[in-house]
């Protein structure tokens, strides 16, 4: 009767593709399906199994690691309200203004800094889209290059720690491992740092090559404009704009990497630091605090409702023997561990065209994690590969959320087709990084 678990998985996947709410589809369909099976095939599922569900739900609610999620979200939204992105973009643009493509390079660097201090993709893409896209277009940048740079830079928060997706991945892998080797969030953060920085470097390299070959696509800023902006106090401007955000990044990531604080404790430091930074920037008010708290509550509620629905789905799927069935099927198919890894990566990449990374984390990852463990694969390495792959889900048409965010704030003359074309080179770069980490896994252990 194990095939019933696969039927459940397919039904849920199809309903999510049709746009039904993820959290209630995961939980509601799982309960309804289990109820039907308990009536027509009671030997496959007993409704008394749901007595285990409250304990599992409380395990999620009481999970100390997951407390980092609302705190990192709060940190990101508060920094968005501080005006940090606008100041960074303006200053960086003038620092790299003499370089052809310098404005695009500044967007990538600011995206990396925001990723290391916020990790909120939607906020980063919208903010940079509002601030930098009109400027880039006004200065003669090709639309495809400008939109591609902004969308891809905005998703760096998916892989550069502190990343919410890494927190959720670590928790999902650990809860699906059934006593096998666990993955520490701090170790996942450390392992993700170097691949994330290499990705930033490749983005910049692509921009330099693109602007060298097609000079008209990325013109430099006029020298007189740069001189007017810099003035006598340019050094103090740089220190003021860069010092505090970098200090916050060092405090948050440094405390995790050195073992002084856990990721959850570091997220609390980040939330307080972001609030203080907003105060220093003279942008803080109780109205802003209320808005940040409301947005944090909405995003956190969405994540946890999906997580509770996924917990219900996992209980039913495993009780029906779905994980054991898949493990037996894969093992008997004579797939090597690398072949299975590549198969999973292809499936996740294709799924990213249609569904969000959260759905992939909570639906697909729990199903494949026991098989990875059965193959004896290093789950830290697998986790980084999954995170890099999931980053593409924000960029791949037709449902890449970063593309929707950018289209929503782009000028009317910017076409969706231009945004889609502009993102293709950056998706290729991300896939190259995935390939590098697959065949050179020592990269993550160097950064660890």
Protein backbone atom coordinates (compact mmCIF):
# COMPACT_ATOMS: atom_id res chain seq x y z
CA UNK A 1 0.00 0.00 0.00
CA UNK A 2 3.07 2.26 -0.07
CA UNK A 3 2.01 3.63 -3.44
CA UNK A 4 -0.75 5.56 -1.61
CA UNK A 5 1.94 7.84 -0.16
CA UNK A 6 3.12 8.67 -3.68
CA UNK A 7 -0.48 9.38 -4.71
CA UNK A 8 -0.79 11.79 -1.76
CA UNK A 9 2.45 13.54 -2.77
CA UNK A 10 1.29 13.94 -6.39
CA UNK A 11 -2.16 15.27 -5.38
CA UNK A 12 -0.65 17.89 -3.08
CA UNK A 13 1.95 18.91 -5.67
CA UNK A 14 -0.71 19.38 -8.36
CA UNK A 15 -2.99 21.42 -6.07
CA UNK A 16 -0.13 23.71 -5.08
CA UNK A 17 0.73 24.23 -8.76
CA UNK A 18 -2.90 25.25 -9.31
CA UNK A 19 -2.50 27.99 -6.72
CA UNK A 20 -4.20 26.59 -3.61
CA UNK A 21 -2.82 27.88 -0.27
CA UNK A 22 0.25 25.83 0.59
CA UNK A 23 -0.18 25.55 4.36
CA UNK A 24 -3.82 24.41 4.23
CA UNK A 25 -3.25 22.17 1.22
CA UNK A 26 -0.41 20.34 2.96
CA UNK A 27 -2.27 19.88 6.23
CA UNK A 28 -5.87 19.62 5.02
CA UNK A 29 -5.33 17.23 2.11
CA UNK A 30 -3.08 15.03 4.25
CA UNK A 31 -5.74 14.70 6.95
CA UNK A 32 -8.55 14.12 4.42
CA UNK A 33 -6.48 11.56 2.51
CA UNK A 34 -5.53 9.73 5.72
CA UNK A 35 -9.19 9.67 6.80
CA UNK A 36 -10.20 8.11 3.47
CA UNK A 37 -7.43 5.52 3.64
CA UNK A 38 -8.35 4.62 7.23
CA UNK A 39 -11.88 3.79 6.03
CA UNK A 40 -11.11 1.87 2.85
CA UNK A 41 -7.68 0.47 3.77
CA UNK A 42 -7.39 0.52 7.58
CA UNK A 43 -4.37 -1.78 7.45
CA UNK A 44 -2.42 1.06 5.76
CA UNK A 45 -3.34 3.89 8.14
CA UNK A 46 -5.04 4.13 11.53
CA UNK A 47 -6.53 7.48 12.55
CA UNK A 48 -5.09 6.93 16.03
CA UNK A 49 -1.74 7.80 14.44
CA UNK A 50 -2.82 11.44 14.64
CA UNK A 51 -2.41 11.23 18.41
CA UNK A 52 1.28 11.79 17.59
CA UNK A 53 0.57 15.05 15.76
CA UNK A 54 0.16 17.40 18.79
CA UNK A 55 3.57 16.35 20.12
CA UNK A 56 5.13 16.99 16.71
CA UNK A 57 3.45 20.39 16.42
CA UNK A 58 4.65 21.38 19.87
CA UNK A 59 8.12 20.22 18.86
CA UNK A 60 8.00 22.72 15.99
CA UNK A 61 6.63 25.53 18.18
CA UNK A 62 9.22 24.92 20.90
CA UNK A 63 12.12 24.55 18.45
CA UNK A 64 14.85 26.90 19.69
CA UNK A 65 16.54 27.13 16.29
CA UNK A 66 13.35 28.30 14.56
CA UNK A 67 13.16 31.29 16.90
CA UNK A 68 15.83 32.80 14.64
CA UNK A 69 13.31 33.08 11.79
CA UNK A 70 11.13 35.94 13.15
CA UNK A 71 14.19 37.73 14.55
CA UNK A 72 16.06 37.66 11.23
CA UNK A 73 12.87 38.79 9.46
CA UNK A 74 12.51 41.66 11.95
CA UNK A 75 16.16 42.60 11.38
CA UNK A 76 15.72 42.66 7.61
CA UNK A 77 12.54 44.71 7.55
CA UNK A 78 13.89 47.19 10.10
CA UNK A 79 17.03 47.74 8.02
CA UNK A 80 14.84 48.29 4.97
CA UNK A 81 13.07 51.08 6.84
CA UNK A 82 16.38 52.65 7.93
CA UNK A 83 17.19 53.93 4.43
CA UNK A 84 20.40 51.88 4.45
CA UNK A 85 20.01 50.60 0.88
CA UNK A 86 19.56 54.06 -0.60
CA UNK A 87 22.67 55.43 1.14
CA UNK A 88 24.75 52.40 0.21
CA UNK A 89 23.72 52.49 -3.45
CA UNK A 90 24.41 56.19 -3.80
CA UNK A 91 27.86 55.96 -2.22
CA UNK A 92 28.90 52.74 -3.98
CA UNK A 93 27.82 54.10 -7.34
CA UNK A 94 30.21 57.02 -6.96
CA UNK A 95 33.02 54.78 -5.70
CA UNK A 96 32.81 52.61 -8.85
CA UNK A 97 31.53 55.39 -11.12
CA UNK A 98 34.66 55.65 -13.25
CA UNK A 99 34.55 51.93 -14.11
CA UNK A 100 32.39 51.01 -17.10
CA UNK A 101 29.51 49.06 -15.59
CA UNK A 102 30.38 50.52 -12.17
CA UNK A 103 26.77 51.30 -11.29
CA UNK A 104 25.79 47.66 -11.91
CA UNK A 105 28.78 46.49 -9.86
CA UNK A 106 27.68 48.75 -7.01
CA UNK A 107 24.21 47.15 -7.13
CA UNK A 108 25.78 43.68 -6.77
CA UNK A 109 27.95 44.75 -3.83
CA UNK A 110 25.06 46.47 -2.08
CA UNK A 111 22.96 43.35 -2.72
CA UNK A 112 25.65 41.26 -1.01
CA UNK A 113 25.85 43.64 1.96
CA UNK A 114 22.07 43.68 2.33
CA UNK A 115 22.05 39.88 2.04
CA UNK A 116 24.51 39.64 4.92
CA UNK A 117 22.48 42.06 7.03
CA UNK A 118 18.86 41.37 6.06
CA UNK A 119 18.33 38.19 4.02
CA UNK A 120 14.83 39.32 2.96
CA UNK A 121 14.67 38.84 -0.81
CA UNK A 122 11.43 40.68 -1.46
CA UNK A 123 12.45 43.76 0.50
CA UNK A 124 15.89 43.87 -1.13
CA UNK A 125 14.62 43.52 -4.71
CA UNK A 126 11.85 46.10 -4.23
CA UNK A 127 14.16 48.59 -2.52
CA UNK A 128 16.93 48.32 -5.11
CA UNK A 129 14.39 48.29 -7.92
CA UNK A 130 12.85 51.54 -6.73
CA UNK A 131 16.18 53.26 -6.15
CA UNK A 132 18.60 51.96 -8.77
CA UNK A 133 16.52 50.83 -11.77
CA UNK A 134 15.34 54.33 -12.82
CA UNK A 135 18.90 55.62 -12.34
CA UNK A 136 20.46 52.83 -14.41
CA UNK A 137 17.95 53.30 -17.23
CA UNK A 138 18.43 57.07 -17.15
CA UNK A 139 22.18 56.62 -17.50
CA UNK A 140 21.75 54.49 -20.60
CA UNK A 141 22.03 50.96 -19.21
CA UNK A 142 20.44 48.27 -21.33
CA UNK A 143 17.14 47.26 -19.73
CA UNK A 144 17.94 43.54 -19.71
CA UNK A 145 21.27 44.10 -17.94
CA UNK A 146 19.81 46.50 -15.38
CA UNK A 147 16.88 44.26 -14.44
CA UNK A 148 19.01 41.11 -14.41
CA UNK A 149 21.56 42.66 -12.06
CA UNK A 150 18.91 43.93 -9.63
CA UNK A 151 16.87 40.69 -9.51
CA UNK A 152 19.89 38.41 -9.12
CA UNK A 153 21.58 40.64 -6.52
CA UNK A 154 18.38 40.75 -4.53
CA UNK A 155 18.37 36.95 -4.16
CA UNK A 156 21.86 36.77 -2.64
CA UNK A 157 20.18 36.73 0.76
CA UNK A 158 19.15 33.15 0.02
CA UNK A 159 22.72 31.86 0.22
CA UNK A 160 24.80 34.51 2.01
CA UNK A 161 24.23 34.09 5.76
CA UNK A 162 22.31 34.90 7.83
CA UNK A 163 19.80 33.25 5.53
CA UNK A 164 16.30 32.18 6.52
CA UNK A 165 16.34 29.40 3.93
CA UNK A 166 19.46 27.92 5.58
CA UNK A 167 17.70 27.95 8.97
CA UNK A 168 14.64 26.20 7.51
CA UNK A 169 16.81 23.74 5.56
CA UNK A 170 18.78 22.77 8.65
CA UNK A 171 15.62 22.20 10.68
CA UNK A 172 13.94 20.19 7.89
CA UNK A 173 17.01 18.02 7.29
CA UNK A 174 17.41 17.34 11.01
CA UNK A 175 13.74 16.50 11.54
CA UNK A 176 13.80 14.16 8.51
CA UNK A 177 17.03 12.35 9.36
CA UNK A 178 15.54 10.00 11.96
CA UNK A 179 18.53 10.01 14.25
CA UNK A 180 21.15 10.22 11.50
CA UNK A 181 23.87 12.86 11.48
CA UNK A 182 22.35 16.30 12.08
CA UNK A 183 23.25 19.58 10.41
CA UNK A 184 24.09 22.52 12.63
CA UNK A 185 22.76 25.90 11.47
CA UNK A 186 26.03 27.62 12.35
CA UNK A 187 28.00 25.09 10.30
CA UNK A 188 25.59 25.61 7.39
CA UNK A 189 26.12 29.37 7.64
CA UNK A 190 29.91 28.94 7.60
CA UNK A 191 29.82 26.51 4.68
CA UNK A 192 27.61 28.82 2.62
CA UNK A 193 29.80 31.90 2.98
CA UNK A 194 32.51 31.12 0.40
CA UNK A 195 30.13 29.85 -2.35
CA UNK A 196 28.06 33.00 -1.80
CA UNK A 197 31.10 35.26 -2.17
CA UNK A 198 32.24 33.37 -5.28
CA UNK A 199 28.77 33.94 -6.73
CA UNK A 200 29.12 37.69 -6.07
CA UNK A 201 32.54 37.62 -7.77
CA UNK A 202 31.16 35.87 -10.85
CA UNK A 203 28.32 38.40 -11.11
CA UNK A 204 30.86 41.23 -11.11
CA UNK A 205 33.10 39.41 -13.61
CA UNK A 206 30.15 38.96 -15.96
CA UNK A 207 29.27 42.67 -15.71
CA UNK A 208 32.88 43.68 -16.47
CA UNK A 209 33.06 41.36 -19.49
CA UNK A 210 29.62 42.43 -20.71
CA UNK A 211 30.44 46.14 -20.42
CA UNK A 212 33.81 45.63 -22.12
CA UNK A 213 32.31 43.81 -25.11
CA UNK A 214 29.16 45.95 -25.37
CA UNK A 215 30.24 49.36 -24.11
CA UNK A 216 26.91 50.95 -24.91
CA UNK A 217 25.09 48.57 -22.50
CA UNK A 218 26.79 49.89 -19.36
CA UNK A 219 28.18 53.42 -19.64
CA UNK A 220 30.31 54.98 -16.90
CA UNK A 221 29.23 57.98 -14.81
CA UNK A 222 30.57 61.35 -16.03
CA UNK A 223 33.72 62.44 -14.16
CA UNK A 224 32.33 65.87 -13.25
CA UNK A 225 29.29 64.28 -11.56
CA UNK A 226 31.52 62.00 -9.52
CA UNK A 227 33.70 64.93 -8.50
CA UNK A 228 30.66 66.96 -7.44
CA UNK A 229 29.36 64.14 -5.25
CA UNK A 230 32.66 63.29 -3.64
CA UNK A 231 33.68 66.76 -2.52
CA UNK A 232 35.90 67.19 0.51
CA UNK A 233 33.99 64.91 2.89
CA UNK A 234 33.76 61.81 0.67
CA UNK A 235 35.87 59.71 3.05
CA UNK A 236 33.61 60.54 5.98
CA UNK A 237 30.57 59.67 3.83
CA UNK A 238 32.02 56.25 3.08
CA UNK A 239 32.81 55.60 6.73
CA UNK A 240 29.36 56.73 7.84
CA UNK A 241 27.51 54.65 5.26
CA UNK A 242 29.67 51.50 5.37
CA UNK A 243 30.97 51.28 8.92
CA UNK A 244 27.74 50.68 10.83
CA UNK A 245 26.24 48.07 8.45
CA UNK A 246 29.56 46.19 8.28
CA UNK A 247 29.84 46.36 12.07
CA UNK A 248 26.36 44.83 12.36
CA UNK A 249 27.29 42.07 9.89
CA UNK A 250 30.49 41.33 11.83
CA UNK A 251 28.62 41.21 15.14
CA UNK A 252 25.96 38.83 13.82
CA UNK A 253 28.06 36.49 11.68
CA UNK A 254 31.22 36.84 13.76
CA UNK A 255 29.42 35.77 16.92
CA UNK A 256 28.08 32.68 15.09
CA UNK A 257 31.35 31.67 13.38
CA UNK A 258 33.44 32.10 16.55
CA UNK A 259 30.96 30.14 18.64
CA UNK A 260 30.24 33.05 20.97
CA UNK A 261 26.53 32.93 20.14
CA UNK A 262 24.14 30.47 18.55
CA UNK A 263 22.31 31.55 15.37
CA UNK A 264 19.22 32.23 17.46
CA UNK A 265 21.13 34.43 19.91
CA UNK A 266 22.89 36.17 17.00
CA UNK A 267 19.52 36.89 15.37
CA UNK A 268 18.48 38.72 18.55
CA UNK A 269 21.70 40.77 18.35
CA UNK A 270 20.86 41.55 14.73
CA UNK A 271 17.32 42.64 15.55
CA UNK A 272 18.53 45.01 18.28
CA UNK A 273 21.40 46.25 16.09
CA UNK A 274 19.07 46.98 13.16
CA UNK A 275 16.79 48.96 15.45
CA UNK A 276 19.74 50.99 16.81
CA UNK A 277 20.97 51.58 13.24
CA UNK A 278 17.54 52.94 12.30
CA UNK A 279 17.68 55.25 15.33
CA UNK A 280 21.16 56.48 14.33
CA UNK A 281 19.92 57.12 10.78
CA UNK A 282 17.12 59.22 12.36
CA UNK A 283 14.46 57.12 10.65
CA UNK A 284 13.04 55.44 13.75
CA UNK A 285 9.51 56.12 14.92
CA UNK A 286 6.79 54.15 16.66
CA UNK A 287 4.90 54.09 13.38
CA UNK A 288 7.84 52.35 11.71
CA UNK A 289 8.19 49.98 14.68
CA UNK A 290 4.50 49.07 14.32
CA UNK A 291 4.88 48.48 10.56
CA UNK A 292 7.97 46.31 11.09
CA UNK A 293 6.22 44.29 13.80
CA UNK A 294 3.14 43.76 11.60
CA UNK A 295 5.15 42.66 8.55
CA UNK A 296 7.31 40.38 10.72
CA UNK A 297 4.19 38.77 12.18
CA UNK A 298 2.67 38.19 8.73
CA UNK A 299 5.80 36.61 7.25
CA UNK A 300 6.50 34.53 10.35
CA UNK A 301 2.91 33.28 10.49
CA UNK A 302 3.09 32.27 6.83
CA UNK A 303 6.31 30.30 7.37
CA UNK A 304 5.07 28.53 10.50
CA UNK A 305 1.64 27.68 9.09
CA UNK A 306 3.39 26.06 6.12
CA UNK A 307 5.74 24.28 8.52
CA UNK A 308 2.83 22.90 10.58
CA UNK A 309 1.10 21.76 7.39
CA UNK A 310 4.33 20.10 6.29
CA UNK A 311 4.60 18.37 9.68
CA UNK A 312 1.15 16.85 9.13
CA UNK A 313 2.05 15.79 5.59
CA UNK A 314 5.30 14.18 6.76
CA UNK A 315 3.49 12.19 9.48
CA UNK A 316 0.95 10.79 7.00
CA UNK A 317 3.53 10.19 4.26
CA UNK A 318 5.83 8.24 6.59
CA UNK A 319 3.02 6.29 8.22
CA UNK A 320 1.91 5.16 4.76
CA UNK A 321 5.48 3.99 4.18
CA UNK A 322 6.28 6.54 1.51
CA UNK A 323 9.85 7.25 2.62
CA UNK A 324 10.71 3.54 2.95
CA UNK A 325 9.12 2.85 -0.45
CA UNK A 326 11.10 5.58 -2.18
CA UNK A 327 14.31 4.52 -0.46
CA UNK A 328 13.81 0.92 -1.57
CA UNK A 329 12.92 2.07 -5.10
CA UNK A 330 16.03 4.24 -5.43
CA UNK A 331 18.34 1.64 -3.92
CA UNK A 332 17.03 -1.09 -6.22
CA UNK A 333 17.41 1.10 -9.31
CA UNK A 334 21.22 0.91 -9.08
CA UNK A 335 21.56 4.69 -9.03
CA UNK A 336 24.87 5.86 -7.64
CA UNK A 337 24.79 8.52 -4.89
CA UNK A 338 25.97 11.16 -7.39
CA UNK A 339 23.32 10.16 -9.94
CA UNK A 340 20.61 10.40 -7.29
CA UNK A 341 21.93 13.80 -6.19
CA UNK A 342 21.85 15.08 -9.77
CA UNK A 343 18.31 13.71 -10.19
CA UNK A 344 17.12 15.55 -7.06
CA UNK A 345 18.86 18.74 -8.16
CA UNK A 346 17.14 18.62 -11.56
CA UNK A 347 13.74 17.99 -9.94
CA UNK A 348 14.20 20.91 -7.51
CA UNK A 349 15.40 23.20 -10.30
CA UNK A 350 12.34 22.39 -12.42
CA UNK A 351 10.02 22.70 -9.39
CA UNK A 352 11.49 26.17 -8.82
CA UNK A 353 9.89 27.30 -12.10
CA UNK A 354 6.45 26.82 -10.54
CA UNK A 355 6.57 26.90 -6.72
CA UNK A 356 8.33 28.89 -4.01
CA UNK A 357 11.47 27.75 -2.13
CA UNK A 358 9.49 27.30 1.11
CA UNK A 359 7.19 24.77 -0.51
CA UNK A 360 10.19 22.91 -1.95
CA UNK A 361 11.92 22.84 1.44
CA UNK A 362 8.87 21.49 3.26
CA UNK A 363 7.61 19.07 0.57
CA UNK A 364 10.58 17.66 -1.35
CA UNK A 365 13.46 17.87 1.16
CA UNK A 366 11.81 15.66 3.85
CA UNK A 367 11.15 13.01 1.18
CA UNK A 368 14.73 12.85 -0.16
CA UNK A 369 16.70 13.37 3.08
CA UNK A 370 16.35 9.75 4.33
CA UNK A 371 17.64 8.51 0.97
CA UNK A 372 20.66 10.82 1.13
CA UNK A 373 21.32 9.43 4.61
CA UNK A 374 20.98 5.87 3.33
CA UNK A 375 23.64 6.64 0.72
CA UNK A 376 25.87 7.98 3.51
CA UNK A 377 26.20 11.42 1.91
CA UNK A 378 27.44 14.44 3.84
CA UNK A 379 24.26 16.39 4.61
CA UNK A 380 26.18 19.63 5.13
CA UNK A 381 27.36 19.43 1.52
CA UNK A 382 23.90 18.40 0.33
CA UNK A 383 22.33 21.27 2.29
CA UNK A 384 24.53 23.87 0.58
CA UNK A 385 23.74 22.39 -2.83
CA UNK A 386 20.03 22.51 -2.06
CA UNK A 387 20.30 26.13 -0.90
CA UNK A 388 22.16 27.17 -4.06
CA UNK A 389 19.58 25.39 -6.19
CA UNK A 390 16.69 26.93 -4.27
CA UNK A 391 18.11 30.38 -4.94
CA UNK A 392 17.30 29.90 -8.63
CA UNK A 393 13.61 29.43 -7.75
CA UNK A 394 13.39 33.19 -7.18
CA UNK A 395 14.70 33.89 -10.67
CA UNK A 396 13.31 31.23 -12.99
CA UNK A 397 10.31 32.24 -15.13
CA UNK A 398 7.36 32.09 -15.16
CA UNK A 399 6.84 32.29 -11.38
CA UNK A 400 10.17 33.63 -10.08
CA UNK A 401 9.16 35.84 -7.17
CA UNK A 402 12.11 38.23 -7.59
CA UNK A 403 10.91 38.87 -11.14
CA UNK A 404 7.41 39.67 -9.89
CA UNK A 405 8.78 41.98 -7.19
CA UNK A 406 10.89 43.85 -9.75
CA UNK A 407 8.11 44.11 -12.33
CA UNK A 408 5.85 45.57 -9.66
CA UNK A 409 8.17 48.56 -9.08
CA UNK A 410 9.67 48.91 -12.58
CA UNK A 411 8.66 51.78 -14.91
CA UNK A 412 5.77 50.96 -17.24
CA UNK A 413 7.98 50.78 -20.32
CA UNK A 414 10.00 47.89 -18.86
CA UNK A 415 8.49 44.72 -20.32
CA UNK A 416 8.22 41.36 -18.57
CA UNK A 417 9.99 39.75 -21.52
CA UNK A 418 12.97 42.08 -20.97
CA UNK A 419 13.16 41.04 -17.31
CA UNK A 420 13.03 37.36 -18.30
CA UNK A 421 15.80 37.77 -20.89
CA UNK A 422 17.95 39.77 -18.51
CA UNK A 423 17.93 37.12 -15.82
CA UNK A 424 19.11 34.21 -18.01
CA UNK A 425 22.90 34.90 -17.73
CA UNK A 426 22.63 35.09 -13.94
CA UNK A 427 20.70 31.80 -13.72
CA UNK A 428 23.49 30.21 -15.79
CA UNK A 429 26.07 31.62 -13.35
CA UNK A 430 24.15 30.16 -10.42
CA UNK A 431 24.04 26.74 -12.10
CA UNK A 432 27.80 26.98 -12.67
CA UNK A 433 28.28 27.53 -8.93
CA UNK A 434 26.08 24.51 -8.21
CA UNK A 435 28.27 22.43 -10.54
CA UNK A 436 31.46 23.72 -8.90
CA UNK A 437 30.22 22.75 -5.42
CA UNK A 438 29.07 19.33 -6.70
CA UNK A 439 32.46 18.43 -8.15
CA UNK A 440 34.65 20.41 -5.72
CA UNK A 441 32.96 19.93 -2.33
CA UNK A 442 36.10 21.04 -0.49
CA UNK A 443 34.98 24.62 -1.17
CA UNK A 444 32.38 24.46 1.58
CA UNK A 445 34.78 22.79 4.01
CA UNK A 446 37.38 25.51 3.42
CA UNK A 447 34.84 28.12 4.43
CA UNK A 448 33.54 26.01 7.28
